Amino acid sequence: MKEVIYDYKEFCEKIDKEKPIHHNCQGRYVDTLQTVYQMQFKIYAVAKQGDHIILFEVDSNIDTQSIDFIKQFAKIGKGPGLQTLYTGLIEKYAKPLNSTEGRLEE
């Protein structure tokens, strides 16, 4: 069984921090003009109670043609801008848990 949680605090309370914790991110353009990028960030861990996998998930739809995105990443470009957003998710969610890139599977 796999449990999916969207609340970071609840996720942290339910996981066994002594067991491996991994994270990854998948992304793709969801429109034909390749302007809207869908990013799905996940952290995988083992539950404190039971040995099932708990998954924390953050989904983002990023309009790479929006004024905010362009202002923020005009100097570095679209690809590096998306990488910067991914790095921000790692800093915010994965690093406090000492997560490494990868995933857990049953």
C-alpha atoms as a PDB file:
ATOM      1  CA  MET A   1       0.000   0.000   0.000  1.00  0.00           C
ATOM      2  CA  LYS A   2       1.080   3.574  -0.679  1.00  0.00           C
ATOM      3  CA  GLU A   3      -0.341   6.586   1.167  1.00  0.00           C
ATOM      4  CA  VAL A   4      -0.259   9.993  -0.565  1.00  0.00           C
ATOM      5  CA  ILE A   5      -0.210  13.105   1.630  1.00  0.00           C
ATOM      6  CA  TYR A   6      -0.351  16.719   0.445  1.00  0.00           C
ATOM      7  CA  ASP A   7       0.279  18.361   3.834  1.00  0.00           C
ATOM      8  CA  TYR A   8       4.001  18.581   4.644  1.00  0.00           C
ATOM      9  CA  LYS A   9       3.533  18.769   8.436  1.00  0.00           C
ATOM     10  CA  GLU A  10       1.301  15.686   8.451  1.00  0.00           C
ATOM     11  CA  PHE A  11       3.810  13.859   6.221  1.00  0.00           C
ATOM     12  CA  CYS A  12       6.675  14.651   8.621  1.00  0.00           C
ATOM     13  CA  GLU A  13       4.671  13.414  11.599  1.00  0.00           C
ATOM     14  CA  LYS A  14       3.878  10.058   9.967  1.00  0.00           C
ATOM     15  CA  ILE A  15       7.288   9.034   8.590  1.00  0.00           C
ATOM     16  CA  ASP A  16      10.155   7.073  10.125  1.00  0.00           C
ATOM     17  CA  LYS A  17      13.100   9.454   9.786  1.00  0.00           C
ATOM     18  CA  GLU A  18      15.552   6.653  10.579  1.00  0.00           C
ATOM     19  CA  LYS A  19      14.736   4.886   7.293  1.00  0.00           C
ATOM     20  CA  PRO A  20      15.711   6.082   3.802  1.00  0.00           C
ATOM     21  CA  ILE A  21      13.941   9.170   2.459  1.00  0.00           C
ATOM     22  CA  HIS A  22      14.149  10.025  -1.237  1.00  0.00           C
ATOM     23  CA  HIS A  23      12.816  12.726  -3.533  1.00  0.00           C
ATOM     24  CA  ASN A  24      12.378  13.279  -7.251  1.00  0.00           C
ATOM     25  CA  CYS A  25      10.660  15.582  -9.669  1.00  0.00           C
ATOM     26  CA  GLN A  26       8.965  14.971 -12.988  1.00  0.00           C
ATOM     27  CA  GLY A  27       7.930  17.669 -15.384  1.00  0.00           C
ATOM     28  CA  ARG A  28       6.442  18.177 -18.803  1.00  0.00           C
ATOM     29  CA  TYR A  29       4.824  20.807 -20.955  1.00  0.00           C
ATOM     30  CA  VAL A  30       1.068  20.348 -20.994  1.00  0.00           C
ATOM     31  CA  ASP A  31       0.194  22.579 -23.924  1.00  0.00           C
ATOM     32  CA  THR A  32       1.103  22.548 -27.603  1.00  0.00           C
ATOM     33  CA  LEU A  33       2.895  25.917 -27.429  1.00  0.00           C
ATOM     34  CA  GLN A  34       5.119  24.640 -24.606  1.00  0.00           C
ATOM     35  CA  THR A  35       4.389  27.531 -22.301  1.00  0.00           C
ATOM     36  CA  VAL A  36       2.680  25.771 -19.359  1.00  0.00           C
ATOM     37  CA  TYR A  37       5.030  23.432 -17.516  1.00  0.00           C
ATOM     38  CA  GLN A  38       3.600  20.932 -15.039  1.00  0.00           C
ATOM     39  CA  MET A  39       6.044  20.034 -12.266  1.00  0.00           C
ATOM     40  CA  GLN A  40       5.378  17.202  -9.819  1.00  0.00           C
ATOM     41  CA  PHE A  41       7.733  16.994  -6.825  1.00  0.00           C
ATOM     42  CA  LYS A  42       7.575  13.909  -4.598  1.00  0.00           C
ATOM     43  CA  ILE A  43       9.198  12.721  -1.382  1.00  0.00           C
ATOM     44  CA  TYR A  44       9.081   9.006  -0.540  1.00  0.00           C
ATOM     45  CA  ALA A  45       9.432   7.663   3.019  1.00  0.00           C
ATOM     46  CA  VAL A  46       8.448   4.686   5.166  1.00  0.00           C
ATOM     47  CA  ALA A  47       5.655   5.022   7.729  1.00  0.00           C
ATOM     48  CA  LYS A  48       6.385   4.944  11.461  1.00  0.00           C
ATOM     49  CA  GLN A  49       3.478   2.579  11.973  1.00  0.00           C
ATOM     50  CA  GLY A  50       3.427  -0.225   9.463  1.00  0.00           C
ATOM     51  CA  ASP A  51       5.951  -0.602   6.710  1.00  0.00           C
ATOM     52  CA  HIS A  52       4.009   1.051   3.922  1.00  0.00           C
ATOM     53  CA  ILE A  53       5.353   3.883   1.793  1.00  0.00           C
ATOM     54  CA  ILE A  54       4.151   7.417   2.396  1.00  0.00           C
ATOM     55  CA  LEU A  55       4.397   9.861  -0.462  1.00  0.00           C
ATOM     56  CA  PHE A  56       4.375  13.660  -0.151  1.00  0.00           C
ATOM     57  CA  GLU A  57       3.417  15.396  -3.373  1.00  0.00           C
ATOM     58  CA  VAL A  58       3.517  18.991  -4.628  1.00  0.00           C
ATOM     59  CA  ASP A  59       2.019  19.750  -8.049  1.00  0.00           C
ATOM     60  CA  SER A  60       2.663  23.042  -9.821  1.00  0.00           C
ATOM     61  CA  ASN A  61       1.556  24.424 -13.154  1.00  0.00           C
ATOM     62  CA  ILE A  62       4.032  27.097 -14.233  1.00  0.00           C
ATOM     63  CA  ASP A  63       3.221  29.575 -16.986  1.00  0.00           C
ATOM     64  CA  THR A  64       6.660  30.209 -18.476  1.00  0.00           C
ATOM     65  CA  GLN A  65       5.266  33.146 -20.469  1.00  0.00           C
ATOM     66  CA  SER A  66       3.807  34.957 -17.464  1.00  0.00           C
ATOM     67  CA  ILE A  67       5.210  38.356 -16.578  1.00  0.00           C
ATOM     68  CA  ASP A  68       6.300  37.101 -13.132  1.00  0.00           C
ATOM     69  CA  PHE A  69       8.231  34.124 -14.557  1.00  0.00           C
ATOM     70  CA  ILE A  70       9.870  36.253 -17.244  1.00  0.00           C
ATOM     71  CA  LYS A  71      10.882  38.971 -14.753  1.00  0.00           C
ATOM     72  CA  GLN A  72      12.306  36.438 -12.339  1.00  0.00           C
ATOM     73  CA  PHE A  73      14.261  34.371 -14.868  1.00  0.00           C
ATOM     74  CA  ALA A  74      14.861  36.710 -17.840  1.00  0.00           C
ATOM     75  CA  LYS A  75      18.624  36.699 -17.357  1.00  0.00           C
ATOM     76  CA  ILE A  76      19.032  32.930 -17.136  1.00  0.00           C
ATOM     77  CA  GLY A  77      16.259  31.610 -19.419  1.00  0.00           C
ATOM     78  CA  LYS A  78      13.364  29.168 -19.201  1.00  0.00           C
ATOM     79  CA  GLY A  79      15.248  25.879 -18.617  1.00  0.00           C
ATOM     80  CA  PRO A  80      17.511  27.187 -15.847  1.00  0.00           C
ATOM     81  CA  GLY A  81      14.494  28.988 -14.377  1.00  0.00           C
ATOM     82  CA  LEU A  82      12.617  25.708 -14.033  1.00  0.00           C
ATOM     83  CA  GLN A  83      15.739  24.132 -12.494  1.00  0.00           C
ATOM     84  CA  THR A  84      15.840  26.988  -9.985  1.00  0.00           C
ATOM     85  CA  LEU A  85      12.223  26.275  -8.991  1.00  0.00           C
ATOM     86  CA  TYR A  86      13.096  22.569  -8.520  1.00  0.00           C
ATOM     87  CA  THR A  87      16.083  23.504  -6.354  1.00  0.00           C
ATOM     88  CA  GLY A  88      13.752  25.667  -4.252  1.00  0.00           C
ATOM     89  CA  LEU A  89      11.482  22.669  -3.631  1.00  0.00           C
ATOM     90  CA  ILE A  90      14.489  20.611  -2.544  1.00  0.00           C
ATOM     91  CA  GLU A  91      15.591  23.344  -0.124  1.00  0.00           C
ATOM     92  CA  LYS A  92      12.092  23.767   1.316  1.00  0.00           C
ATOM     93  CA  TYR A  93      10.955  20.147   1.616  1.00  0.00           C
ATOM     94  CA  ALA A  94      13.717  17.579   1.038  1.00  0.00           C
ATOM     95  CA  LYS A  95      16.776  19.062   2.702  1.00  0.00           C
ATOM     96  CA  PRO A  96      15.233  19.331   6.202  1.00  0.00           C
ATOM     97  CA  LEU A  97      14.605  15.559   6.023  1.00  0.00           C
ATOM     98  CA  ASN A  98      18.091  14.708   4.673  1.00  0.00           C
ATOM     99  CA  SER A  99      16.409  13.270   1.600  1.00  0.00           C
ATOM    100  CA  THR A 100      18.472  12.069  -1.349  1.00  0.00           C
ATOM    101  CA  GLU A 101      17.403  11.833  -4.974  1.00  0.00           C
ATOM    102  CA  GLY A 102      15.656   8.590  -5.799  1.00  0.00           C
ATOM    103  CA  ARG A 103      12.422   6.861  -4.883  1.00  0.00           C
ATOM    104  CA  LEU A 104      11.042   3.965  -2.857  1.00  0.00           C
ATOM    105  CA  GLU A 105       8.868   1.257  -4.380  1.00  0.00           C
ATOM    106  CA  GLU A 106       6.927  -1.666  -2.996  1.00  0.00           C
END
